[in-house]
Amino acid sequence: MRRFLDGYYLMRLSLEIHFPKDRLELDEMRPLPGKAGRLERGEGFLLWDGWFSGRLISEFDFVTDQRT
């Protein structure tokens, strides 16, 4: 977070998460600013690339695959 006078500078974030697709599944994520970036989800990965300002706290919930 970088403050400037009464606001914040824009910052760019590139986030890439890889996980074992045979053991984990991404259940829920919150919050990623969807309108300000590009989101790609696939089997075993998540990619978000975009801009935001202020404080960004994101959570990612994974569940285990109970079939194995």
N, C-alpha and C. Protein backbone atom coordinates (compact mmCIF):
# COMPACT_ATOMS: atom_id res chain seq x y z
N MET A 1 0.84 -1.16 0.00
CA MET A 1 0.00 0.00 0.00
C MET A 1 0.89 1.24 0.00
N ARG A 2 0.71 2.07 -0.97
CA ARG A 2 1.49 3.32 -1.02
C ARG A 2 0.54 4.50 -1.04
N ARG A 3 0.59 5.29 0.01
CA ARG A 3 -0.30 6.45 0.13
C ARG A 3 0.29 7.65 -0.59
N PHE A 4 -0.62 8.46 -1.11
CA PHE A 4 -0.24 9.73 -1.71
C PHE A 4 -1.34 10.73 -1.36
N LEU A 5 -1.01 11.72 -0.57
CA LEU A 5 -1.97 12.73 -0.10
C LEU A 5 -3.18 12.04 0.52
N ASP A 6 -4.36 12.16 -0.09
CA ASP A 6 -5.56 11.57 0.52
C ASP A 6 -6.01 10.28 -0.17
N GLY A 7 -5.16 9.67 -1.00
CA GLY A 7 -5.52 8.44 -1.69
C GLY A 7 -4.36 7.48 -1.75
N TYR A 8 -4.45 6.56 -2.67
CA TYR A 8 -3.43 5.53 -2.83
C TYR A 8 -2.98 5.47 -4.28
N TYR A 9 -1.73 5.13 -4.49
CA TYR A 9 -1.22 4.87 -5.83
C TYR A 9 -1.81 3.57 -6.34
N LEU A 10 -1.99 3.48 -7.63
CA LEU A 10 -2.36 2.21 -8.25
C LEU A 10 -1.17 1.26 -8.17
N MET A 11 -1.45 0.00 -7.91
CA MET A 11 -0.40 -1.01 -7.88
C MET A 11 -0.82 -2.17 -8.77
N ARG A 12 0.15 -2.81 -9.39
CA ARG A 12 -0.13 -3.96 -10.23
C ARG A 12 0.23 -5.22 -9.47
N LEU A 13 -0.64 -6.21 -9.58
CA LEU A 13 -0.41 -7.50 -8.94
C LEU A 13 -0.55 -8.60 -9.97
N SER A 14 0.44 -9.47 -10.01
CA SER A 14 0.35 -10.70 -10.80
C SER A 14 0.44 -11.85 -9.80
N LEU A 15 -0.62 -12.62 -9.71
CA LEU A 15 -0.72 -13.70 -8.75
C LEU A 15 -0.94 -15.00 -9.50
N GLU A 16 -0.09 -15.97 -9.25
CA GLU A 16 -0.21 -17.26 -9.90
C GLU A 16 -0.10 -18.33 -8.83
N ILE A 17 -1.12 -19.19 -8.73
CA ILE A 17 -1.15 -20.26 -7.74
C ILE A 17 -1.28 -21.58 -8.49
N HIS A 18 -0.37 -22.50 -8.19
CA HIS A 18 -0.44 -23.86 -8.74
C HIS A 18 -0.65 -24.82 -7.58
N PHE A 19 -1.51 -25.81 -7.79
CA PHE A 19 -1.79 -26.79 -6.76
C PHE A 19 -2.04 -28.14 -7.42
N PRO A 20 -1.84 -29.23 -6.66
CA PRO A 20 -2.02 -30.57 -7.25
C PRO A 20 -3.50 -30.83 -7.55
N LYS A 21 -3.85 -30.86 -8.82
CA LYS A 21 -5.25 -30.97 -9.22
C LYS A 21 -5.88 -32.31 -8.84
N ASP A 22 -5.06 -33.32 -8.60
CA ASP A 22 -5.61 -34.61 -8.20
C ASP A 22 -5.89 -34.70 -6.70
N ARG A 23 -5.43 -33.71 -5.92
CA ARG A 23 -5.64 -33.75 -4.46
C ARG A 23 -6.39 -32.55 -3.91
N LEU A 24 -6.35 -31.41 -4.61
CA LEU A 24 -7.00 -30.19 -4.12
C LEU A 24 -7.90 -29.59 -5.18
N GLU A 25 -8.91 -28.86 -4.69
CA GLU A 25 -9.80 -28.14 -5.59
C GLU A 25 -10.05 -26.76 -4.97
N LEU A 26 -9.98 -25.73 -5.79
CA LEU A 26 -10.26 -24.38 -5.32
C LEU A 26 -11.76 -24.23 -5.16
N ASP A 27 -12.19 -24.02 -3.92
CA ASP A 27 -13.61 -23.95 -3.61
C ASP A 27 -14.14 -22.53 -3.72
N GLU A 28 -13.42 -21.59 -3.13
CA GLU A 28 -13.90 -20.22 -3.11
C GLU A 28 -12.72 -19.27 -2.98
N MET A 29 -12.87 -18.06 -3.54
CA MET A 29 -11.85 -17.03 -3.38
C MET A 29 -12.55 -15.70 -3.16
N ARG A 30 -11.97 -14.88 -2.31
CA ARG A 30 -12.56 -13.58 -2.04
C ARG A 30 -11.51 -12.66 -1.51
N PRO A 31 -11.60 -11.40 -1.68
CA PRO A 31 -12.09 -10.83 -2.94
C PRO A 31 -10.91 -10.57 -3.86
N LEU A 32 -11.07 -10.79 -5.09
CA LEU A 32 -10.13 -10.33 -6.12
C LEU A 32 -10.92 -9.40 -7.01
N PRO A 33 -10.42 -8.20 -7.24
CA PRO A 33 -11.18 -7.25 -8.06
C PRO A 33 -11.28 -7.71 -9.51
N GLY A 34 -12.39 -8.33 -9.86
CA GLY A 34 -12.57 -8.92 -11.18
C GLY A 34 -12.61 -7.92 -12.32
N LYS A 35 -13.15 -6.72 -12.08
CA LYS A 35 -13.27 -5.74 -13.15
C LYS A 35 -11.95 -5.06 -13.48
N ALA A 36 -10.99 -5.13 -12.57
CA ALA A 36 -9.73 -4.42 -12.76
C ALA A 36 -8.61 -5.32 -13.25
N GLY A 37 -8.93 -6.56 -13.58
CA GLY A 37 -7.86 -7.45 -13.99
C GLY A 37 -8.37 -8.62 -14.81
N ARG A 38 -7.45 -9.52 -15.06
CA ARG A 38 -7.74 -10.72 -15.86
C ARG A 38 -7.64 -11.93 -14.94
N LEU A 39 -8.68 -12.74 -14.92
CA LEU A 39 -8.73 -13.94 -14.09
C LEU A 39 -8.81 -15.16 -14.97
N GLU A 40 -7.93 -16.12 -14.74
CA GLU A 40 -7.97 -17.41 -15.43
C GLU A 40 -7.96 -18.50 -14.38
N ARG A 41 -8.89 -19.44 -14.51
CA ARG A 41 -8.92 -20.60 -13.63
C ARG A 41 -8.90 -21.85 -14.48
N GLY A 42 -8.15 -22.83 -14.04
CA GLY A 42 -8.08 -24.09 -14.74
C GLY A 42 -7.82 -25.20 -13.75
N GLU A 43 -7.63 -26.38 -14.26
CA GLU A 43 -7.34 -27.52 -13.39
C GLU A 43 -5.94 -27.37 -12.85
N GLY A 44 -5.82 -27.11 -11.58
CA GLY A 44 -4.52 -27.03 -10.94
C GLY A 44 -3.87 -25.67 -10.94
N PHE A 45 -4.58 -24.62 -11.40
CA PHE A 45 -3.95 -23.30 -11.37
C PHE A 45 -5.00 -22.19 -11.30
N LEU A 46 -4.53 -21.04 -10.83
CA LEU A 46 -5.30 -19.81 -10.79
C LEU A 46 -4.34 -18.70 -11.15
N LEU A 47 -4.76 -17.81 -12.03
CA LEU A 47 -3.93 -16.68 -12.44
C LEU A 47 -4.78 -15.42 -12.38
N TRP A 48 -4.29 -14.41 -11.68
CA TRP A 48 -4.93 -13.10 -11.67
C TRP A 48 -3.87 -12.06 -11.93
N ASP A 49 -4.15 -11.16 -12.85
CA ASP A 49 -3.22 -10.10 -13.20
C ASP A 49 -4.04 -8.83 -13.36
N GLY A 50 -3.71 -7.81 -12.58
CA GLY A 50 -4.48 -6.58 -12.69
C GLY A 50 -3.98 -5.49 -11.77
N TRP A 51 -4.77 -4.42 -11.70
CA TRP A 51 -4.43 -3.23 -10.95
C TRP A 51 -5.42 -3.04 -9.81
N PHE A 52 -4.92 -2.48 -8.70
CA PHE A 52 -5.78 -2.13 -7.58
C PHE A 52 -5.13 -0.99 -6.82
N SER A 53 -5.90 -0.36 -5.97
CA SER A 53 -5.35 0.69 -5.10
C SER A 53 -5.84 0.43 -3.68
N GLY A 54 -5.07 0.84 -2.71
CA GLY A 54 -5.43 0.62 -1.32
C GLY A 54 -4.93 -0.71 -0.81
N ARG A 55 -5.67 -1.25 0.12
CA ARG A 55 -5.28 -2.50 0.77
C ARG A 55 -6.03 -3.66 0.13
N LEU A 56 -5.33 -4.72 -0.18
CA LEU A 56 -5.94 -5.91 -0.78
C LEU A 56 -5.63 -7.10 0.11
N ILE A 57 -6.65 -7.70 0.66
CA ILE A 57 -6.51 -8.92 1.45
C ILE A 57 -7.39 -9.96 0.78
N SER A 58 -6.79 -11.03 0.31
CA SER A 58 -7.52 -12.06 -0.41
C SER A 58 -7.43 -13.37 0.35
N GLU A 59 -8.48 -14.18 0.22
CA GLU A 59 -8.51 -15.51 0.83
C GLU A 59 -8.83 -16.53 -0.24
N PHE A 60 -8.19 -17.68 -0.14
CA PHE A 60 -8.40 -18.78 -1.07
C PHE A 60 -8.71 -20.02 -0.25
N ASP A 61 -9.88 -20.61 -0.47
CA ASP A 61 -10.28 -21.81 0.24
C ASP A 61 -10.15 -23.01 -0.68
N PHE A 62 -9.42 -24.00 -0.22
CA PHE A 62 -9.24 -25.24 -0.97
C PHE A 62 -9.91 -26.38 -0.22
N VAL A 63 -10.42 -27.33 -0.96
CA VAL A 63 -10.95 -28.56 -0.36
C VAL A 63 -10.17 -29.73 -0.91
N THR A 64 -10.06 -30.77 -0.08
CA THR A 64 -9.33 -31.96 -0.53
C THR A 64 -10.28 -32.87 -1.29
N ASP A 65 -9.73 -33.57 -2.22
CA ASP A 65 -10.51 -34.53 -3.01
C ASP A 65 -10.61 -35.80 -2.18
N GLN A 66 -11.80 -36.14 -1.74
CA GLN A 66 -12.01 -37.29 -0.85
C GLN A 66 -12.09 -38.62 -1.62
N ARG A 67 -12.04 -38.56 -2.94
CA ARG A 67 -12.15 -39.79 -3.74
C ARG A 67 -10.89 -40.61 -3.74
N THR A 68 -9.72 -40.01 -3.42
CA THR A 68 -8.47 -40.76 -3.48
C THR A 68 -8.10 -41.34 -2.14
